[in-house]
Amino acid sequence: MAIGTHTRDDNATVKSARIRGEETKPSFKTTELVVYVLAVIGVLIASYTVGDGAANNGADYFAADKAWWYVTLLTIGYMVSRGLAKAGSRSNDVDPRTH
């Protein structure tokens, strides 16, 4: 019997279609999404809690604009990592509009 074929009870050979799964998981099932979300939350909490220390001069060591810059860098890193993960994957989409 050849690979990809099955034999029925009456000895007739029936070809079966092999269904290939996608090489990568959807983003919501990956640990990189969890790490990304936790890192963004950590940056925003750190920005909120870090003030001017004991100086009381109104200076902010970790201002909102710096925090959002780090969130932007985290987002770019996450998008690049997902792009690299998806680069070699095949689509199982049967929608004729996407071909």
PDB file of N, CA and C in Angstrom:
ATOM      1  N   MET A   1       0.848  -1.173   0.000  1.00  0.00           N
ATOM      2  CA  MET A   1       0.000   0.000   0.000  1.00  0.00           C
ATOM      3  C   MET A   1       0.893   1.236   0.000  1.00  0.00           C
ATOM      4  N   ALA A   2       0.611   2.188  -0.839  1.00  0.00           N
ATOM      5  CA  ALA A   2       1.404   3.406  -0.960  1.00  0.00           C
ATOM      6  C   ALA A   2       1.017   4.401   0.125  1.00  0.00           C
ATOM      7  N   ILE A   3       1.921   5.319   0.375  1.00  0.00           N
ATOM      8  CA  ILE A   3       1.645   6.363   1.359  1.00  0.00           C
ATOM      9  C   ILE A   3       0.528   7.261   0.834  1.00  0.00           C
ATOM     10  N   GLY A   4      -0.408   7.575   1.699  1.00  0.00           N
ATOM     11  CA  GLY A   4      -1.512   8.456   1.298  1.00  0.00           C
ATOM     12  C   GLY A   4      -2.696   7.700   0.734  1.00  0.00           C
ATOM     13  N   THR A   5      -2.663   6.366   0.793  1.00  0.00           N
ATOM     14  CA  THR A   5      -3.795   5.581   0.303  1.00  0.00           C
ATOM     15  C   THR A   5      -4.282   4.669   1.411  1.00  0.00           C
ATOM     16  N   HIS A   6      -5.511   4.288   1.332  1.00  0.00           N
ATOM     17  CA  HIS A   6      -6.111   3.358   2.274  1.00  0.00           C
ATOM     18  C   HIS A   6      -6.834   2.279   1.481  1.00  0.00           C
ATOM     19  N   THR A   7      -6.933   1.094   2.048  1.00  0.00           N
ATOM     20  CA  THR A   7      -7.622   0.006   1.384  1.00  0.00           C
ATOM     21  C   THR A   7      -8.946  -0.236   2.097  1.00  0.00           C
ATOM     22  N   ARG A   8     -10.013  -0.273   1.306  1.00  0.00           N
ATOM     23  CA  ARG A   8     -11.327  -0.590   1.877  1.00  0.00           C
ATOM     24  C   ARG A   8     -11.455  -2.094   2.030  1.00  0.00           C
ATOM     25  N   ASP A   9     -12.575  -2.536   2.609  1.00  0.00           N
ATOM     26  CA  ASP A   9     -12.800  -3.966   2.836  1.00  0.00           C
ATOM     27  C   ASP A   9     -12.847  -4.768   1.536  1.00  0.00           C
ATOM     28  N   ASP A  10     -13.300  -4.159   0.435  1.00  0.00           N
ATOM     29  CA  ASP A  10     -13.398  -4.902  -0.831  1.00  0.00           C
ATOM     30  C   ASP A  10     -12.112  -4.792  -1.646  1.00  0.00           C
ATOM     31  N   ASN A  11     -11.006  -4.477  -0.991  1.00  0.00           N
ATOM     32  CA  ASN A  11      -9.675  -4.369  -1.588  1.00  0.00           C
ATOM     33  C   ASN A  11      -9.549  -3.289  -2.651  1.00  0.00           C
ATOM     34  N   ALA A  12     -10.475  -2.359  -2.719  1.00  0.00           N
ATOM     35  CA  ALA A  12     -10.335  -1.215  -3.623  1.00  0.00           C
ATOM     36  C   ALA A  12      -9.506  -0.152  -2.902  1.00  0.00           C
ATOM     37  N   THR A  13      -8.612   0.435  -3.622  1.00  0.00           N
ATOM     38  CA  THR A  13      -7.745   1.448  -3.034  1.00  0.00           C
ATOM     39  C   THR A  13      -8.421   2.806  -3.131  1.00  0.00           C
ATOM     40  N   VAL A  14      -8.452   3.499  -2.019  1.00  0.00           N
ATOM     41  CA  VAL A  14      -9.072   4.821  -1.955  1.00  0.00           C
ATOM     42  C   VAL A  14      -7.993   5.818  -1.569  1.00  0.00           C
ATOM     43  N   LYS A  15      -7.840   6.847  -2.360  1.00  0.00           N
ATOM     44  CA  LYS A  15      -6.860   7.878  -2.054  1.00  0.00           C
ATOM     45  C   LYS A  15      -7.454   8.835  -1.033  1.00  0.00           C
ATOM     46  N   SER A  16      -6.646   9.192  -0.076  1.00  0.00           N
ATOM     47  CA  SER A  16      -7.103  10.160   0.922  1.00  0.00           C
ATOM     48  C   SER A  16      -6.292  11.438   0.781  1.00  0.00           C
ATOM     49  N   ALA A  17      -6.957  12.519   0.981  1.00  0.00           N
ATOM     50  CA  ALA A  17      -6.271  13.812   0.912  1.00  0.00           C
ATOM     51  C   ALA A  17      -5.567  14.059   2.233  1.00  0.00           C
ATOM     52  N   ARG A  18      -4.328  14.445   2.149  1.00  0.00           N
ATOM     53  CA  ARG A  18      -3.596  14.785   3.360  1.00  0.00           C
ATOM     54  C   ARG A  18      -3.883  16.242   3.699  1.00  0.00           C
ATOM     55  N   ILE A  19      -4.257  16.446   4.919  1.00  0.00           N
ATOM     56  CA  ILE A  19      -4.527  17.800   5.370  1.00  0.00           C
ATOM     57  C   ILE A  19      -3.313  18.270   6.152  1.00  0.00           C
ATOM     58  N   ARG A  20      -2.698  19.304   5.652  1.00  0.00           N
ATOM     59  CA  ARG A  20      -1.524  19.846   6.324  1.00  0.00           C
ATOM     60  C   ARG A  20      -1.972  20.971   7.247  1.00  0.00           C
ATOM     61  N   GLY A  21      -1.488  20.915   8.451  1.00  0.00           N
ATOM     62  CA  GLY A  21      -1.776  21.997   9.384  1.00  0.00           C
ATOM     63  C   GLY A  21      -0.877  23.189   9.100  1.00  0.00           C
ATOM     64  N   GLU A  22      -1.245  24.299   9.626  1.00  0.00           N
ATOM     65  CA  GLU A  22      -0.389  25.461   9.464  1.00  0.00           C
ATOM     66  C   GLU A  22       0.859  25.268  10.305  1.00  0.00           C
ATOM     67  N   GLU A  23       1.950  25.853   9.874  1.00  0.00           N
ATOM     68  CA  GLU A  23       3.207  25.681  10.579  1.00  0.00           C
ATOM     69  C   GLU A  23       3.253  26.485  11.872  1.00  0.00           C
ATOM     70  N   THR A  24       2.524  27.575  11.940  1.00  0.00           N
ATOM     71  CA  THR A  24       2.549  28.398  13.141  1.00  0.00           C
ATOM     72  C   THR A  24       1.160  28.464  13.754  1.00  0.00           C
ATOM     73  N   LYS A  25       1.134  28.723  15.042  1.00  0.00           N
ATOM     74  CA  LYS A  25      -0.133  28.852  15.754  1.00  0.00           C
ATOM     75  C   LYS A  25      -0.707  30.243  15.527  1.00  0.00           C
ATOM     76  N   PRO A  26      -2.010  30.393  15.717  1.00  0.00           N
ATOM     77  CA  PRO A  26      -2.584  31.741  15.718  1.00  0.00           C
ATOM     78  C   PRO A  26      -1.939  32.554  16.840  1.00  0.00           C
ATOM     79  N   SER A  27      -1.874  33.860  16.656  1.00  0.00           N
ATOM     80  CA  SER A  27      -1.133  34.702  17.598  1.00  0.00           C
ATOM     81  C   SER A  27      -1.673  34.630  19.014  1.00  0.00           C
ATOM     82  N   PHE A  28      -2.977  34.451  19.191  1.00  0.00           N
ATOM     83  CA  PHE A  28      -3.524  34.433  20.539  1.00  0.00           C
ATOM     84  C   PHE A  28      -3.169  33.161  21.305  1.00  0.00           C
ATOM     85  N   LYS A  29      -2.620  32.162  20.624  1.00  0.00           N
ATOM     86  CA  LYS A  29      -2.227  30.916  21.284  1.00  0.00           C
ATOM     87  C   LYS A  29      -0.729  30.855  21.585  1.00  0.00           C
ATOM     88  N   THR A  30      -0.002  31.913  21.321  1.00  0.00           N
ATOM     89  CA  THR A  30       1.448  31.869  21.477  1.00  0.00           C
ATOM     90  C   THR A  30       1.891  32.539  22.768  1.00  0.00           C
ATOM     91  N   THR A  31       3.047  32.111  23.254  1.00  0.00           N
ATOM     92  CA  THR A  31       3.610  32.740  24.441  1.00  0.00           C
ATOM     93  C   THR A  31       4.166  34.120  24.123  1.00  0.00           C
ATOM     94  N   GLU A  32       4.529  34.358  22.867  1.00  0.00           N
ATOM     95  CA  GLU A  32       5.070  35.678  22.540  1.00  0.00           C
ATOM     96  C   GLU A  32       4.016  36.768  22.699  1.00  0.00           C
ATOM     97  N   LEU A  33       2.750  36.452  22.471  1.00  0.00           N
ATOM     98  CA  LEU A  33       1.696  37.438  22.712  1.00  0.00           C
ATOM     99  C   LEU A  33       1.571  37.715  24.207  1.00  0.00           C
ATOM    100  N   VAL A  34       1.628  36.676  25.009  1.00  0.00           N
ATOM    101  CA  VAL A  34       1.536  36.848  26.458  1.00  0.00           C
ATOM    102  C   VAL A  34       2.701  37.699  26.961  1.00  0.00           C
ATOM    103  N   VAL A  35       3.904  37.400  26.491  1.00  0.00           N
ATOM    104  CA  VAL A  35       5.081  38.164  26.899  1.00  0.00           C
ATOM    105  C   VAL A  35       4.956  39.612  26.441  1.00  0.00           C
ATOM    106  N   TYR A  36       4.485  39.833  25.229  1.00  0.00           N
ATOM    107  CA  TYR A  36       4.297  41.189  24.715  1.00  0.00           C
ATOM    108  C   TYR A  36       3.310  41.975  25.575  1.00  0.00           C
ATOM    109  N   VAL A  37       2.162  41.380  25.872  1.00  0.00           N
ATOM    110  CA  VAL A  37       1.140  42.069  26.671  1.00  0.00           C
ATOM    111  C   VAL A  37       1.670  42.369  28.072  1.00  0.00           C
ATOM    112  N   LEU A  38       2.344  41.401  28.682  1.00  0.00           N
ATOM    113  CA  LEU A  38       2.908  41.628  30.012  1.00  0.00           C
ATOM    114  C   LEU A  38       3.986  42.714  29.991  1.00  0.00           C
ATOM    115  N   ALA A  39       4.793  42.750  28.956  1.00  0.00           N
ATOM    116  CA  ALA A  39       5.835  43.782  28.848  1.00  0.00           C
ATOM    117  C   ALA A  39       5.215  45.166  28.689  1.00  0.00           C
ATOM    118  N   VAL A  40       4.175  45.275  27.875  1.00  0.00           N
ATOM    119  CA  VAL A  40       3.505  46.571  27.700  1.00  0.00           C
ATOM    120  C   VAL A  40       2.888  47.021  29.021  1.00  0.00           C
ATOM    121  N   ILE A  41       2.213  46.110  29.705  1.00  0.00           N
ATOM    122  CA  ILE A  41       1.616  46.455  31.005  1.00  0.00           C
ATOM    123  C   ILE A  41       2.703  46.865  31.993  1.00  0.00           C
ATOM    124  N   GLY A  42       3.818  46.145  31.988  1.00  0.00           N
ATOM    125  CA  GLY A  42       4.933  46.487  32.875  1.00  0.00           C
ATOM    126  C   GLY A  42       5.497  47.863  32.603  1.00  0.00           C
ATOM    127  N   VAL A  43       5.669  48.195  31.331  1.00  0.00           N
ATOM    128  CA  VAL A  43       6.183  49.521  30.971  1.00  0.00           C
ATOM    129  C   VAL A  43       5.213  50.610  31.425  1.00  0.00           C
ATOM    130  N   LEU A  44       3.935  50.407  31.196  1.00  0.00           N
ATOM    131  CA  LEU A  44       2.954  51.429  31.567  1.00  0.00           C
ATOM    132  C   LEU A  44       2.841  51.576  33.089  1.00  0.00           C
ATOM    133  N   ILE A  45       2.903  50.472  33.816  1.00  0.00           N
ATOM    134  CA  ILE A  45       2.869  50.553  35.281  1.00  0.00           C
ATOM    135  C   ILE A  45       4.125  51.243  35.801  1.00  0.00           C
ATOM    136  N   ALA A  46       5.280  50.893  35.243  1.00  0.00           N
ATOM    137  CA  ALA A  46       6.524  51.532  35.674  1.00  0.00           C
ATOM    138  C   ALA A  46       6.493  53.027  35.395  1.00  0.00           C
ATOM    139  N   SER A  47       5.969  53.406  34.265  1.00  0.00           N
ATOM    140  CA  SER A  47       5.875  54.831  33.936  1.00  0.00           C
ATOM    141  C   SER A  47       4.941  55.561  34.891  1.00  0.00           C
ATOM    142  N   TYR A  48       3.885  54.885  35.287  1.00  0.00           N
ATOM    143  CA  TYR A  48       2.917  55.500  36.192  1.00  0.00           C
ATOM    144  C   TYR A  48       3.470  55.640  37.607  1.00  0.00           C
ATOM    145  N   THR A  49       4.221  54.627  38.060  1.00  0.00           N
ATOM    146  CA  THR A  49       4.670  54.626  39.449  1.00  0.00           C
ATOM    147  C   THR A  49       5.977  55.369  39.686  1.00  0.00           C
ATOM    148  N   VAL A  50       6.838  55.453  38.669  1.00  0.00           N
ATOM    149  CA  VAL A  50       8.118  56.140  38.847  1.00  0.00           C
ATOM    150  C   VAL A  50       7.873  57.636  38.730  1.00  0.00           C
ATOM    151  N   GLY A  51       8.246  58.326  39.760  1.00  0.00           N
ATOM    152  CA  GLY A  51       8.064  59.782  39.755  1.00  0.00           C
ATOM    153  C   GLY A  51       9.402  60.478  39.807  1.00  0.00           C
ATOM    154  N   ASP A  52       9.452  61.508  40.597  1.00  0.00           N
ATOM    155  CA  ASP A  52      10.678  62.287  40.696  1.00  0.00           C
ATOM    156  C   ASP A  52      11.548  61.843  41.859  1.00  0.00           C
ATOM    157  N   GLY A  53      11.221  60.729  42.452  1.00  0.00           N
ATOM    158  CA  GLY A  53      12.004  60.236  43.586  1.00  0.00           C
ATOM    159  C   GLY A  53      11.795  61.135  44.795  1.00  0.00           C
ATOM    160  N   ALA A  54      12.839  61.400  45.523  1.00  0.00           N
ATOM    161  CA  ALA A  54      12.755  62.239  46.724  1.00  0.00           C
ATOM    162  C   ALA A  54      12.988  63.709  46.407  1.00  0.00           C
ATOM    163  N   ALA A  55      13.217  64.029  45.149  1.00  0.00           N
ATOM    164  CA  ALA A  55      13.559  65.411  44.799  1.00  0.00           C
ATOM    165  C   ALA A  55      12.370  66.356  44.961  1.00  0.00           C
ATOM    166  N   ASN A  56      11.161  65.867  44.722  1.00  0.00           N
ATOM    167  CA  ASN A  56       9.950  66.697  44.796  1.00  0.00           C
ATOM    168  C   ASN A  56      10.069  67.988  43.987  1.00  0.00           C
ATOM    169  N   ASN A  57      10.726  67.902  42.861  1.00  0.00           N
ATOM    170  CA  ASN A  57      10.866  69.091  42.022  1.00  0.00           C
ATOM    171  C   ASN A  57       9.980  69.011  40.776  1.00  0.00           C
ATOM    172  N   GLY A  58       9.126  68.036  40.727  1.00  0.00           N
ATOM    173  CA  GLY A  58       8.203  67.910  39.602  1.00  0.00           C
ATOM    174  C   GLY A  58       8.778  67.182  38.408  1.00  0.00           C
ATOM    175  N   ALA A  59      10.045  66.802  38.471  1.00  0.00           N
ATOM    176  CA  ALA A  59      10.653  66.072  37.358  1.00  0.00           C
ATOM    177  C   ALA A  59      10.132  64.634  37.349  1.00  0.00           C
ATOM    178  N   ASP A  60       9.983  64.101  36.183  1.00  0.00           N
ATOM    179  CA  ASP A  60       9.508  62.725  36.045  1.00  0.00           C
ATOM    180  C   ASP A  60      10.580  61.946  35.306  1.00  0.00           C
ATOM    181  N   TYR A  61      11.155  60.928  35.969  1.00  0.00           N
ATOM    182  CA  TYR A  61      12.243  60.163  35.378  1.00  0.00           C
ATOM    183  C   TYR A  61      11.784  59.273  34.236  1.00  0.00           C
ATOM    184  N   PHE A  62      10.543  58.835  34.299  1.00  0.00           N
ATOM    185  CA  PHE A  62      10.022  57.936  33.270  1.00  0.00           C
ATOM    186  C   PHE A  62       8.692  58.503  32.787  1.00  0.00           C
ATOM    187  N   ALA A  63       8.785  59.529  31.979  1.00  0.00           N
ATOM    188  CA  ALA A  63       7.609  60.258  31.514  1.00  0.00           C
ATOM    189  C   ALA A  63       6.786  59.413  30.538  1.00  0.00           C
ATOM    190  N   ALA A  64       5.560  59.847  30.310  1.00  0.00           N
ATOM    191  CA  ALA A  64       4.634  59.113  29.443  1.00  0.00           C
ATOM    192  C   ALA A  64       5.157  58.990  28.022  1.00  0.00           C
ATOM    193  N   ASP A  65       5.793  60.044  27.512  1.00  0.00           N
ATOM    194  CA  ASP A  65       6.288  59.964  26.132  1.00  0.00           C
ATOM    195  C   ASP A  65       7.376  58.904  25.991  1.00  0.00           C
ATOM    196  N   LYS A  66       8.210  58.747  27.013  1.00  0.00           N
ATOM    197  CA  LYS A  66       9.240  57.703  26.980  1.00  0.00           C
ATOM    198  C   LYS A  66       8.589  56.321  27.083  1.00  0.00           C
ATOM    199  N   ALA A  67       7.565  56.190  27.917  1.00  0.00           N
ATOM    200  CA  ALA A  67       6.867  54.910  28.072  1.00  0.00           C
ATOM    201  C   ALA A  67       6.220  54.498  26.757  1.00  0.00           C
ATOM    202  N   TRP A  68       5.556  55.431  26.094  1.00  0.00           N
ATOM    203  CA  TRP A  68       4.905  55.091  24.832  1.00  0.00           C
ATOM    204  C   TRP A  68       5.930  54.799  23.744  1.00  0.00           C
ATOM    205  N   TRP A  69       7.120  55.394  23.826  1.00  0.00           N
ATOM    206  CA  TRP A  69       8.185  55.066  22.885  1.00  0.00           C
ATOM    207  C   TRP A  69       8.600  53.599  23.062  1.00  0.00           C
ATOM    208  N   TYR A  70       8.724  53.164  24.330  1.00  0.00           N
ATOM    209  CA  TYR A  70       9.060  51.765  24.592  1.00  0.00           C
ATOM    210  C   TYR A  70       7.938  50.823  24.159  1.00  0.00           C
ATOM    211  N   VAL A  71       6.708  51.227  24.348  1.00  0.00           N
ATOM    212  CA  VAL A  71       5.575  50.406  23.882  1.00  0.00           C
ATOM    213  C   VAL A  71       5.618  50.285  22.363  1.00  0.00           C
ATOM    214  N   THR A  72       5.950  51.376  21.681  1.00  0.00           N
ATOM    215  CA  THR A  72       6.075  51.332  20.220  1.00  0.00           C
ATOM    216  C   THR A  72       7.184  50.369  19.801  1.00  0.00           C
ATOM    217  N   LEU A  73       8.325  50.419  20.482  1.00  0.00           N
ATOM    218  CA  LEU A  73       9.420  49.499  20.160  1.00  0.00           C
ATOM    219  C   LEU A  73       9.019  48.049  20.431  1.00  0.00           C
ATOM    220  N   LEU A  74       8.309  47.814  21.523  1.00  0.00           N
ATOM    221  CA  LEU A  74       7.818  46.461  21.806  1.00  0.00           C
ATOM    222  C   LEU A  74       6.858  45.986  20.711  1.00  0.00           C
ATOM    223  N   THR A  75       6.000  46.879  20.254  1.00  0.00           N
ATOM    224  CA  THR A  75       5.045  46.528  19.200  1.00  0.00           C
ATOM    225  C   THR A  75       5.757  46.183  17.898  1.00  0.00           C
ATOM    226  N   ILE A  76       6.755  46.966  17.547  1.00  0.00           N
ATOM    227  CA  ILE A  76       7.529  46.682  16.333  1.00  0.00           C
ATOM    228  C   ILE A  76       8.221  45.325  16.466  1.00  0.00           C
ATOM    229  N   GLY A  77       8.809  45.061  17.624  1.00  0.00           N
ATOM    230  CA  GLY A  77       9.465  43.776  17.853  1.00  0.00           C
ATOM    231  C   GLY A  77       8.490  42.613  17.757  1.00  0.00           C
ATOM    232  N   TYR A  78       7.305  42.791  18.324  1.00  0.00           N
ATOM    233  CA  TYR A  78       6.295  41.735  18.263  1.00  0.00           C
ATOM    234  C   TYR A  78       5.853  41.486  16.822  1.00  0.00           C
ATOM    235  N   MET A  79       5.642  42.556  16.073  1.00  0.00           N
ATOM    236  CA  MET A  79       5.207  42.398  14.680  1.00  0.00           C
ATOM    237  C   MET A  79       6.288  41.715  13.841  1.00  0.00           C
ATOM    238  N   VAL A  80       7.540  42.061  14.067  1.00  0.00           N
ATOM    239  CA  VAL A  80       8.640  41.417  13.333  1.00  0.00           C
ATOM    240  C   VAL A  80       8.715  39.940  13.694  1.00  0.00           C
ATOM    241  N   SER A  81       8.573  39.616  14.987  1.00  0.00           N
ATOM    242  CA  SER A  81       8.655  38.211  15.386  1.00  0.00           C
ATOM    243  C   SER A  81       7.508  37.399  14.798  1.00  0.00           C
ATOM    244  N   ARG A  82       6.302  37.944  14.741  1.00  0.00           N
ATOM    245  CA  ARG A  82       5.175  37.237  14.116  1.00  0.00           C
ATOM    246  C   ARG A  82       5.390  37.113  12.611  1.00  0.00           C
ATOM    247  N   GLY A  83       5.948  38.129  12.010  1.00  0.00           N
ATOM    248  CA  GLY A  83       6.224  38.054  10.576  1.00  0.00           C
ATOM    249  C   GLY A  83       7.231  36.967  10.257  1.00  0.00           C
ATOM    250  N   LEU A  84       8.279  36.867  11.077  1.00  0.00           N
ATOM    251  CA  LEU A  84       9.271  35.819  10.866  1.00  0.00           C
ATOM    252  C   LEU A  84       8.670  34.441  11.115  1.00  0.00           C
ATOM    253  N   ALA A  85       7.796  34.336  12.099  1.00  0.00           N
ATOM    254  CA  ALA A  85       7.166  33.055  12.390  1.00  0.00           C
ATOM    255  C   ALA A  85       6.245  32.624  11.255  1.00  0.00           C
ATOM    256  N   LYS A  86       5.583  33.562  10.634  1.00  0.00           N
ATOM    257  CA  LYS A  86       4.640  33.255   9.550  1.00  0.00           C
ATOM    258  C   LYS A  86       5.303  33.176   8.178  1.00  0.00           C
ATOM    259  N   ALA A  87       6.554  33.574   8.076  1.00  0.00           N
ATOM    260  CA  ALA A  87       7.207  33.676   6.770  1.00  0.00           C
ATOM    261  C   ALA A  87       7.229  32.351   6.018  1.00  0.00           C
ATOM    262  N   GLY A  88       7.411  31.244   6.715  1.00  0.00           N
ATOM    263  CA  GLY A  88       7.498  29.959   6.038  1.00  0.00           C
ATOM    264  C   GLY A  88       6.225  29.152   6.081  1.00  0.00           C
ATOM    265  N   SER A  89       5.159  29.710   6.619  1.00  0.00           N
ATOM    266  CA  SER A  89       3.937  28.924   6.769  1.00  0.00           C
ATOM    267  C   SER A  89       3.117  28.932   5.489  1.00  0.00           C
ATOM    268  N   ARG A  90       2.364  27.854   5.320  1.00  0.00           N
ATOM    269  CA  ARG A  90       1.475  27.735   4.173  1.00  0.00           C
ATOM    270  C   ARG A  90       0.052  28.010   4.636  1.00  0.00           C
ATOM    271  N   SER A  91      -0.738  28.543   3.761  1.00  0.00           N
ATOM    272  CA  SER A  91      -2.133  28.820   4.091  1.00  0.00           C
ATOM    273  C   SER A  91      -3.007  27.671   3.627  1.00  0.00           C
ATOM    274  N   ASN A  92      -3.990  27.308   4.448  1.00  0.00           N
ATOM    275  CA  ASN A  92      -4.956  26.276   4.076  1.00  0.00           C
ATOM    276  C   ASN A  92      -6.263  26.901   3.652  1.00  0.00           C
ATOM    277  N   ASP A  93      -6.239  28.161   3.312  1.00  0.00           N
ATOM    278  CA  ASP A  93      -7.440  28.888   2.962  1.00  0.00           C
ATOM    279  C   ASP A  93      -7.980  28.384   1.625  1.00  0.00           C
ATOM    280  N   VAL A  94      -9.273  28.062   1.581  1.00  0.00           N
ATOM    281  CA  VAL A  94      -9.891  27.583   0.358  1.00  0.00           C
ATOM    282  C   VAL A  94     -10.745  28.651  -0.294  1.00  0.00           C
ATOM    283  N   ASP A  95     -10.684  29.849   0.223  1.00  0.00           N
ATOM    284  CA  ASP A  95     -11.461  30.961  -0.333  1.00  0.00           C
ATOM    285  C   ASP A  95     -10.850  31.375  -1.677  1.00  0.00           C
ATOM    286  N   PRO A  96     -11.602  31.286  -2.776  1.00  0.00           N
ATOM    287  CA  PRO A  96     -11.030  31.603  -4.082  1.00  0.00           C
ATOM    288  C   PRO A  96     -10.659  33.067  -4.240  1.00  0.00           C
ATOM    289  N   ARG A  97     -11.188  33.935  -3.406  1.00  0.00           N
ATOM    290  CA  ARG A  97     -10.860  35.359  -3.493  1.00  0.00           C
ATOM    291  C   ARG A  97      -9.448  35.660  -3.031  1.00  0.00           C
ATOM    292  N   THR A  98      -8.829  34.765  -2.279  1.00  0.00           N
ATOM    293  CA  THR A  98      -7.493  35.019  -1.742  1.00  0.00           C
ATOM    294  C   THR A  98      -6.394  34.400  -2.592  1.00  0.00           C
ATOM    295  N   HIS A  99      -6.723  33.759  -3.689  1.00  0.00           N
ATOM    296  CA  HIS A  99      -5.698  33.123  -4.544  1.00  0.00           C
ATOM    297  C   HIS A  99      -5.343  33.993  -5.691  1.00  0.00           C
TER     298      HIS A  99
END
